[in-house]
Structure formats: structure tokens, C-alpha cells
């Protein structure tokens, strides 16, 4: 009887900066061995505690532009004067091998991924409980200047307006509950019929036994 396999999926998490997306993503990656992070290339400066090759591939604008022109990116976007992009080859290999990949991207990146691989994308938008909570988180993070915090708050409105483009929407009242919700989404999406390879052969073999 044919074995039932599965094509990997692309779990896309988006939110306005400061809504908890990165915290949720790290928890999901720590708790689920079946999904790995997509490590983006970026031209922005490293923040305190970030490691090149683990959090991002940090490159200069000349390198990024060359890679973009060579069609190396599955998606790329300009965010707050810095470029971000996901290289194509590692993602395509992972999906073909039945491995899931997590993307921590903004709405522009999510749109690009849908255009490139709509059937593989599972998108989740994360909302803050209040605007005040969003601003407080950005300030207490203490990784950006007051000017950058103000720009991120101004950009939050534009980001949030794209919430209807996503498959799922979570309000991050509590990180633990939000992480549990993402795990539930993953469990359901992994069982979707269209992602199961070999299912047709399995069913045909089963019918022959009847």
C-alpha cells in the first residue's frame, strides 16, 4: 500500500512591530520540532543580542541589490529604509521534503509569498490588544530610538489595515494562549487533504481490499 507523505507548508506570521510576533514565533520554533525558521537577509543593523546567521543574514545594500537582481529572493520588501528578503532555494527544498518553514514578515512579504506559492502559504496576523500596549512594548524593548518608535507607531495603522488578507487573525492578549492557537493552526493545516501526498494511492489500495 502506498505511503502517505506530506508537502511542507509556509507558516507566515505578520503583525505591527511590537505586537509580539517574534516572541510567538520563537516559542513555536522551540516547541515544535517539525518547523524551522526562514532566515531572512536584511540590510538593517544588528540589534543587541542578535546573531548573524541565526536571526538574520546581515548584508550591505550592494549585496542585497545584487541578490535581488539575480532573482535569488522568493520575496523581498523595503521596511523603514531597510531591505528584507527570503532566499528561494532553501524554502523550496524544505517544502519538497515535507518540512515546514516559518516566516516572520510584514504584509508586503506575505503578499509576495502568496503570489509565489499561494497553495503552500498559511498566514496568521497578530494584533495587539490596544494601541497603548503596542507603544509600551516598543518603548520597553529599548532597542530603538524615540524617533524610530514614533515611526513604527505611525506604520502600525498601515500594517493593521491588511488584516483581512490573512487566513487567521489572533489578538495577542496573552502570549501562552497565542502560542497554543498557532500550534492548533499548524496541526489542522498539516492534515489538509491537498497537502497529503500519496493519499490517492492509499485510498485506491484500501478500496481494492474491500
C-alpha atoms as a PDB file:
ATOM      1  CA  UNK A   1       0.000   0.000   0.000  1.00  0.00           C
ATOM      2  CA  UNK A   2       1.350   3.446  -0.893  1.00  0.00           C
ATOM      3  CA  UNK A   3       2.756   5.529   1.940  1.00  0.00           C
ATOM      4  CA  UNK A   4       1.032   8.806   2.812  1.00  0.00           C
ATOM      5  CA  UNK A   5       3.501  11.674   2.848  1.00  0.00           C
ATOM      6  CA  UNK A   6       3.016  15.411   3.191  1.00  0.00           C
ATOM      7  CA  UNK A   7       4.208  18.522   1.399  1.00  0.00           C
ATOM      8  CA  UNK A   8       5.578  21.136   3.758  1.00  0.00           C
ATOM      9  CA  UNK A   9       3.780  24.418   4.406  1.00  0.00           C
ATOM     10  CA  UNK A  10       4.857  28.020   4.812  1.00  0.00           C
ATOM     11  CA  UNK A  11       3.593  29.460   8.102  1.00  0.00           C
ATOM     12  CA  UNK A  12       3.562  33.237   7.706  1.00  0.00           C
ATOM     13  CA  UNK A  13       3.289  35.411  10.831  1.00  0.00           C
ATOM     14  CA  UNK A  14       2.743  39.154  10.469  1.00  0.00           C
ATOM     15  CA  UNK A  15       1.908  41.975  12.855  1.00  0.00           C
ATOM     16  CA  UNK A  16       2.699  45.612  13.511  1.00  0.00           C
ATOM     17  CA  UNK A  17       6.093  45.937  15.174  1.00  0.00           C
ATOM     18  CA  UNK A  18       5.786  45.317  18.905  1.00  0.00           C
ATOM     19  CA  UNK A  19       2.653  43.139  18.856  1.00  0.00           C
ATOM     20  CA  UNK A  20       4.563  40.020  19.953  1.00  0.00           C
ATOM     21  CA  UNK A  21       5.044  38.280  16.617  1.00  0.00           C
ATOM     22  CA  UNK A  22       8.732  37.493  17.142  1.00  0.00           C
ATOM     23  CA  UNK A  23       8.157  36.205  20.681  1.00  0.00           C
ATOM     24  CA  UNK A  24       5.375  33.910  19.465  1.00  0.00           C
ATOM     25  CA  UNK A  25       7.474  32.720  16.525  1.00  0.00           C
ATOM     26  CA  UNK A  26      10.406  31.806  18.783  1.00  0.00           C
ATOM     27  CA  UNK A  27       8.137  29.885  21.164  1.00  0.00           C
ATOM     28  CA  UNK A  28       6.572  27.916  18.306  1.00  0.00           C
ATOM     29  CA  UNK A  29      10.002  27.075  16.898  1.00  0.00           C
ATOM     30  CA  UNK A  30      11.246  25.952  20.326  1.00  0.00           C
ATOM     31  CA  UNK A  31       8.203  23.763  20.984  1.00  0.00           C
ATOM     32  CA  UNK A  32       7.617  22.217  17.548  1.00  0.00           C
ATOM     33  CA  UNK A  33      10.490  20.239  16.054  1.00  0.00           C
ATOM     34  CA  UNK A  34       8.676  19.937  12.718  1.00  0.00           C
ATOM     35  CA  UNK A  35       9.100  23.554  11.695  1.00  0.00           C
ATOM     36  CA  UNK A  36      12.228  25.611  11.028  1.00  0.00           C
ATOM     37  CA  UNK A  37      12.720  29.350  10.623  1.00  0.00           C
ATOM     38  CA  UNK A  38      13.227  31.068   7.314  1.00  0.00           C
ATOM     39  CA  UNK A  39      16.253  33.244   7.981  1.00  0.00           C
ATOM     40  CA  UNK A  40      15.891  36.451   6.004  1.00  0.00           C
ATOM     41  CA  UNK A  41      18.609  38.629   4.548  1.00  0.00           C
ATOM     42  CA  UNK A  42      18.463  42.232   5.731  1.00  0.00           C
ATOM     43  CA  UNK A  43      20.394  45.455   5.340  1.00  0.00           C
ATOM     44  CA  UNK A  44      19.497  46.819   8.791  1.00  0.00           C
ATOM     45  CA  UNK A  45      21.974  46.968  11.671  1.00  0.00           C
ATOM     46  CA  UNK A  46      22.106  44.140  14.201  1.00  0.00           C
ATOM     47  CA  UNK A  47      20.221  44.751  17.446  1.00  0.00           C
ATOM     48  CA  UNK A  48      21.658  43.816  20.803  1.00  0.00           C
ATOM     49  CA  UNK A  49      21.730  40.034  21.222  1.00  0.00           C
ATOM     50  CA  UNK A  50      21.133  39.211  17.543  1.00  0.00           C
ATOM     51  CA  UNK A  51      23.456  36.756  15.810  1.00  0.00           C
ATOM     52  CA  UNK A  52      24.279  36.752  12.103  1.00  0.00           C
ATOM     53  CA  UNK A  53      23.003  33.550  10.502  1.00  0.00           C
ATOM     54  CA  UNK A  54      20.618  32.797  13.364  1.00  0.00           C
ATOM     55  CA  UNK A  55      18.336  35.828  13.499  1.00  0.00           C
ATOM     56  CA  UNK A  56      19.115  37.281  10.050  1.00  0.00           C
ATOM     57  CA  UNK A  57      21.772  37.221   7.393  1.00  0.00           C
ATOM     58  CA  UNK A  58      23.071  40.784   7.714  1.00  0.00           C
ATOM     59  CA  UNK A  59      24.328  42.155   4.397  1.00  0.00           C
ATOM     60  CA  UNK A  60      25.039  45.563   2.879  1.00  0.00           C
ATOM     61  CA  UNK A  61      22.720  47.170   0.346  1.00  0.00           C
ATOM     62  CA  UNK A  62      25.023  46.404  -2.566  1.00  0.00           C
ATOM     63  CA  UNK A  63      24.963  42.669  -1.775  1.00  0.00           C
ATOM     64  CA  UNK A  64      21.205  42.684  -1.272  1.00  0.00           C
ATOM     65  CA  UNK A  65      20.605  44.505  -4.555  1.00  0.00           C
ATOM     66  CA  UNK A  66      22.806  42.052  -6.439  1.00  0.00           C
ATOM     67  CA  UNK A  67      20.922  39.073  -4.963  1.00  0.00           C
ATOM     68  CA  UNK A  68      17.593  40.704  -5.801  1.00  0.00           C
ATOM     69  CA  UNK A  69      18.650  41.321  -9.404  1.00  0.00           C
ATOM     70  CA  UNK A  70      19.764  37.683  -9.681  1.00  0.00           C
ATOM     71  CA  UNK A  71      16.217  36.573  -8.632  1.00  0.00           C
ATOM     72  CA  UNK A  72      17.591  34.878  -5.523  1.00  0.00           C
ATOM     73  CA  UNK A  73      14.675  36.032  -3.353  1.00  0.00           C
ATOM     74  CA  UNK A  74      11.297  34.384  -3.023  1.00  0.00           C
ATOM     75  CA  UNK A  75      10.085  37.696  -1.599  1.00  0.00           C
ATOM     76  CA  UNK A  76      11.654  40.987  -0.607  1.00  0.00           C
ATOM     77  CA  UNK A  77      10.465  44.293   0.808  1.00  0.00           C
ATOM     78  CA  UNK A  78      11.674  47.712   1.892  1.00  0.00           C
ATOM     79  CA  UNK A  79      10.662  48.380   5.515  1.00  0.00           C
ATOM     80  CA  UNK A  80      11.685  51.543   7.402  1.00  0.00           C
ATOM     81  CA  UNK A  81      14.512  52.210   4.928  1.00  0.00           C
ATOM     82  CA  UNK A  82      15.930  48.695   5.221  1.00  0.00           C
ATOM     83  CA  UNK A  83      15.627  45.759   2.827  1.00  0.00           C
ATOM     84  CA  UNK A  84      14.436  42.298   3.900  1.00  0.00           C
ATOM     85  CA  UNK A  85      14.313  39.213   1.685  1.00  0.00           C
ATOM     86  CA  UNK A  86      13.811  35.428   1.765  1.00  0.00           C
ATOM     87  CA  UNK A  87      16.070  33.304  -0.416  1.00  0.00           C
ATOM     88  CA  UNK A  88      14.188  30.917  -2.676  1.00  0.00           C
ATOM     89  CA  UNK A  89      16.203  27.680  -2.855  1.00  0.00           C
ATOM     90  CA  UNK A  90      16.229  26.614   0.845  1.00  0.00           C
ATOM     91  CA  UNK A  91      12.466  27.090   1.140  1.00  0.00           C
ATOM     92  CA  UNK A  92      11.634  25.125  -1.997  1.00  0.00           C
ATOM     93  CA  UNK A  93      13.855  22.243  -0.888  1.00  0.00           C
ATOM     94  CA  UNK A  94      12.264  22.152   2.567  1.00  0.00           C
ATOM     95  CA  UNK A  95       8.690  22.083   1.247  1.00  0.00           C
ATOM     96  CA  UNK A  96       9.506  19.321  -1.210  1.00  0.00           C
ATOM     97  CA  UNK A  97      10.975  17.259   1.628  1.00  0.00           C
ATOM     98  CA  UNK A  98       7.827  17.662   3.724  1.00  0.00           C
ATOM     99  CA  UNK A  99       9.337  20.160   6.160  1.00  0.00           C
ATOM    100  CA  UNK A 100       7.510  23.291   7.322  1.00  0.00           C
ATOM    101  CA  UNK A 101       9.051  26.769   7.286  1.00  0.00           C
ATOM    102  CA  UNK A 102       8.093  29.736   9.472  1.00  0.00           C
ATOM    103  CA  UNK A 103       8.223  33.286   8.115  1.00  0.00           C
ATOM    104  CA  UNK A 104       8.298  36.397  10.306  1.00  0.00           C
ATOM    105  CA  UNK A 105       7.420  39.025   7.669  1.00  0.00           C
ATOM    106  CA  UNK A 106       5.323  42.152   7.172  1.00  0.00           C
ATOM    107  CA  UNK A 107       2.249  42.415   4.930  1.00  0.00           C
ATOM    108  CA  UNK A 108       4.388  43.140   1.856  1.00  0.00           C
ATOM    109  CA  UNK A 109       6.365  39.951   2.371  1.00  0.00           C
ATOM    110  CA  UNK A 110       3.174  37.975   2.985  1.00  0.00           C
ATOM    111  CA  UNK A 111       1.673  39.283  -0.262  1.00  0.00           C
ATOM    112  CA  UNK A 112       4.782  38.309  -2.203  1.00  0.00           C
ATOM    113  CA  UNK A 113       4.784  34.795  -0.726  1.00  0.00           C
ATOM    114  CA  UNK A 114       1.121  34.324  -1.670  1.00  0.00           C
ATOM    115  CA  UNK A 115       1.896  35.378  -5.233  1.00  0.00           C
ATOM    116  CA  UNK A 116       4.805  32.937  -5.449  1.00  0.00           C
ATOM    117  CA  UNK A 117       3.294  29.922  -3.642  1.00  0.00           C
ATOM    118  CA  UNK A 118      -0.311  30.534  -2.626  1.00  0.00           C
ATOM    119  CA  UNK A 119      -1.174  26.871  -2.034  1.00  0.00           C
ATOM    120  CA  UNK A 120       1.731  26.450   0.381  1.00  0.00           C
ATOM    121  CA  UNK A 121       1.055  29.551   2.486  1.00  0.00           C
ATOM    122  CA  UNK A 122      -0.796  29.572   5.823  1.00  0.00           C
ATOM    123  CA  UNK A 123      -0.952  33.172   7.027  1.00  0.00           C
ATOM    124  CA  UNK A 124      -1.613  34.466  10.549  1.00  0.00           C
ATOM    125  CA  UNK A 125      -1.974  38.131  11.504  1.00  0.00           C
ATOM    126  CA  UNK A 126      -1.282  39.066  15.135  1.00  0.00           C
ATOM    127  CA  UNK A 127      -2.989  42.116  16.627  1.00  0.00           C
ATOM    128  CA  UNK A 128      -2.089  43.915  19.882  1.00  0.00           C
ATOM    129  CA  UNK A 129      -4.871  44.169  22.496  1.00  0.00           C
ATOM    130  CA  UNK A 130      -4.656  48.005  22.474  1.00  0.00           C
ATOM    131  CA  UNK A 131      -2.651  50.759  20.797  1.00  0.00           C
ATOM    132  CA  UNK A 132      -1.291  51.712  24.223  1.00  0.00           C
ATOM    133  CA  UNK A 133       0.027  48.212  24.797  1.00  0.00           C
ATOM    134  CA  UNK A 134       1.757  48.339  21.428  1.00  0.00           C
ATOM    135  CA  UNK A 135       3.511  51.626  22.205  1.00  0.00           C
ATOM    136  CA  UNK A 136       4.508  50.461  25.689  1.00  0.00           C
ATOM    137  CA  UNK A 137       6.073  47.294  24.306  1.00  0.00           C
ATOM    138  CA  UNK A 138       8.078  49.271  21.744  1.00  0.00           C
ATOM    139  CA  UNK A 139       9.360  51.621  24.439  1.00  0.00           C
ATOM    140  CA  UNK A 140      10.235  48.934  26.993  1.00  0.00           C
ATOM    141  CA  UNK A 141      12.038  46.898  24.333  1.00  0.00           C
ATOM    142  CA  UNK A 142      14.669  49.673  24.492  1.00  0.00           C
ATOM    143  CA  UNK A 143      16.220  48.678  21.188  1.00  0.00           C
ATOM    144  CA  UNK A 144      15.039  51.639  19.115  1.00  0.00           C
ATOM    145  CA  UNK A 145      15.286  55.405  19.482  1.00  0.00           C
ATOM    146  CA  UNK A 146      12.221  57.536  20.286  1.00  0.00           C
ATOM    147  CA  UNK A 147      12.144  58.620  16.648  1.00  0.00           C
ATOM    148  CA  UNK A 148      12.070  55.011  15.432  1.00  0.00           C
ATOM    149  CA  UNK A 149       9.345  54.132  17.979  1.00  0.00           C
ATOM    150  CA  UNK A 150       7.248  57.027  16.655  1.00  0.00           C
ATOM    151  CA  UNK A 151       7.726  55.855  13.070  1.00  0.00           C
ATOM    152  CA  UNK A 152       6.775  52.298  13.988  1.00  0.00           C
ATOM    153  CA  UNK A 153       3.607  53.507  15.707  1.00  0.00           C
ATOM    154  CA  UNK A 154       2.733  55.553  12.617  1.00  0.00           C
ATOM    155  CA  UNK A 155       3.343  52.488  10.438  1.00  0.00           C
ATOM    156  CA  UNK A 156       1.190  50.244  12.631  1.00  0.00           C
ATOM    157  CA  UNK A 157      -2.022  51.687  11.177  1.00  0.00           C
ATOM    158  CA  UNK A 158      -0.964  50.811   7.633  1.00  0.00           C
ATOM    159  CA  UNK A 159       0.100  47.306   8.683  1.00  0.00           C
ATOM    160  CA  UNK A 160      -3.131  46.583  10.558  1.00  0.00           C
ATOM    161  CA  UNK A 161      -5.271  47.598   7.573  1.00  0.00           C
ATOM    162  CA  UNK A 162      -4.135  44.410   5.803  1.00  0.00           C
ATOM    163  CA  UNK A 163      -5.530  42.036   8.444  1.00  0.00           C
ATOM    164  CA  UNK A 164      -8.328  40.800   6.164  1.00  0.00           C
ATOM    165  CA  UNK A 165      -5.787  39.348   3.721  1.00  0.00           C
ATOM    166  CA  UNK A 166      -4.788  36.662   6.240  1.00  0.00           C
ATOM    167  CA  UNK A 167      -6.192  33.173   6.824  1.00  0.00           C
ATOM    168  CA  UNK A 168      -6.222  33.579  10.613  1.00  0.00           C
ATOM    169  CA  UNK A 169      -6.194  36.550  12.988  1.00  0.00           C
ATOM    170  CA  UNK A 170      -5.080  36.391  16.638  1.00  0.00           C
ATOM    171  CA  UNK A 171      -5.370  39.141  19.250  1.00  0.00           C
ATOM    172  CA  UNK A 172      -2.331  38.732  21.484  1.00  0.00           C
ATOM    173  CA  UNK A 173      -3.972  39.225  24.883  1.00  0.00           C
ATOM    174  CA  UNK A 174      -1.728  36.519  26.337  1.00  0.00           C
ATOM    175  CA  UNK A 175       1.418  35.031  24.777  1.00  0.00           C
ATOM    176  CA  UNK A 176       0.781  31.495  26.053  1.00  0.00           C
ATOM    177  CA  UNK A 177      -2.716  31.434  24.568  1.00  0.00           C
ATOM    178  CA  UNK A 178      -1.464  32.869  21.292  1.00  0.00           C
ATOM    179  CA  UNK A 179       1.257  30.225  21.034  1.00  0.00           C
ATOM    180  CA  UNK A 180      -1.320  27.487  21.711  1.00  0.00           C
ATOM    181  CA  UNK A 181      -3.502  28.920  18.949  1.00  0.00           C
ATOM    182  CA  UNK A 182      -0.643  28.831  16.438  1.00  0.00           C
ATOM    183  CA  UNK A 183       0.079  25.212  17.380  1.00  0.00           C
ATOM    184  CA  UNK A 184      -3.594  24.394  16.746  1.00  0.00           C
ATOM    185  CA  UNK A 185      -3.482  26.116  13.348  1.00  0.00           C
ATOM    186  CA  UNK A 186      -0.385  24.129  12.408  1.00  0.00           C
ATOM    187  CA  UNK A 187      -1.946  20.832  13.473  1.00  0.00           C
ATOM    188  CA  UNK A 188      -5.056  21.430  11.373  1.00  0.00           C
ATOM    189  CA  UNK A 189      -3.221  22.714   8.304  1.00  0.00           C
ATOM    190  CA  UNK A 190      -0.841  19.753   8.286  1.00  0.00           C
ATOM    191  CA  UNK A 191      -3.841  17.425   7.939  1.00  0.00           C
ATOM    192  CA  UNK A 192      -5.390  19.201   4.956  1.00  0.00           C
ATOM    193  CA  UNK A 193      -6.137  16.801   2.135  1.00  0.00           C
ATOM    194  CA  UNK A 194      -4.345  18.811  -0.549  1.00  0.00           C
ATOM    195  CA  UNK A 195      -1.047  18.617   1.359  1.00  0.00           C
ATOM    196  CA  UNK A 196      -1.080  14.835   1.762  1.00  0.00           C
ATOM    197  CA  UNK A 197       0.987  13.167  -0.950  1.00  0.00           C
ATOM    198  CA  UNK A 198       0.267   9.543  -1.751  1.00  0.00           C
ATOM    199  CA  UNK A 199      -3.241   9.775  -0.337  1.00  0.00           C
ATOM    200  CA  UNK A 200      -4.882   8.884  -3.646  1.00  0.00           C
ATOM    201  CA  UNK A 201      -2.772   5.744  -3.946  1.00  0.00           C
ATOM    202  CA  UNK A 202      -3.508   4.823  -0.349  1.00  0.00           C
ATOM    203  CA  UNK A 203      -7.263   5.140  -0.869  1.00  0.00           C
ATOM    204  CA  UNK A 204      -7.139   3.133  -4.103  1.00  0.00           C
ATOM    205  CA  UNK A 205      -5.227   0.388  -2.327  1.00  0.00           C
ATOM    206  CA  UNK A 206      -7.717   0.437   0.514  1.00  0.00           C
ATOM    207  CA  UNK A 207     -10.634   0.139  -1.885  1.00  0.00           C
ATOM    208  CA  UNK A 208      -9.051  -2.904  -3.506  1.00  0.00           C
ATOM    209  CA  UNK A 209      -9.077  -4.640  -0.138  1.00  0.00           C
ATOM    210  CA  UNK A 210     -12.834  -4.218   0.227  1.00  0.00           C
END
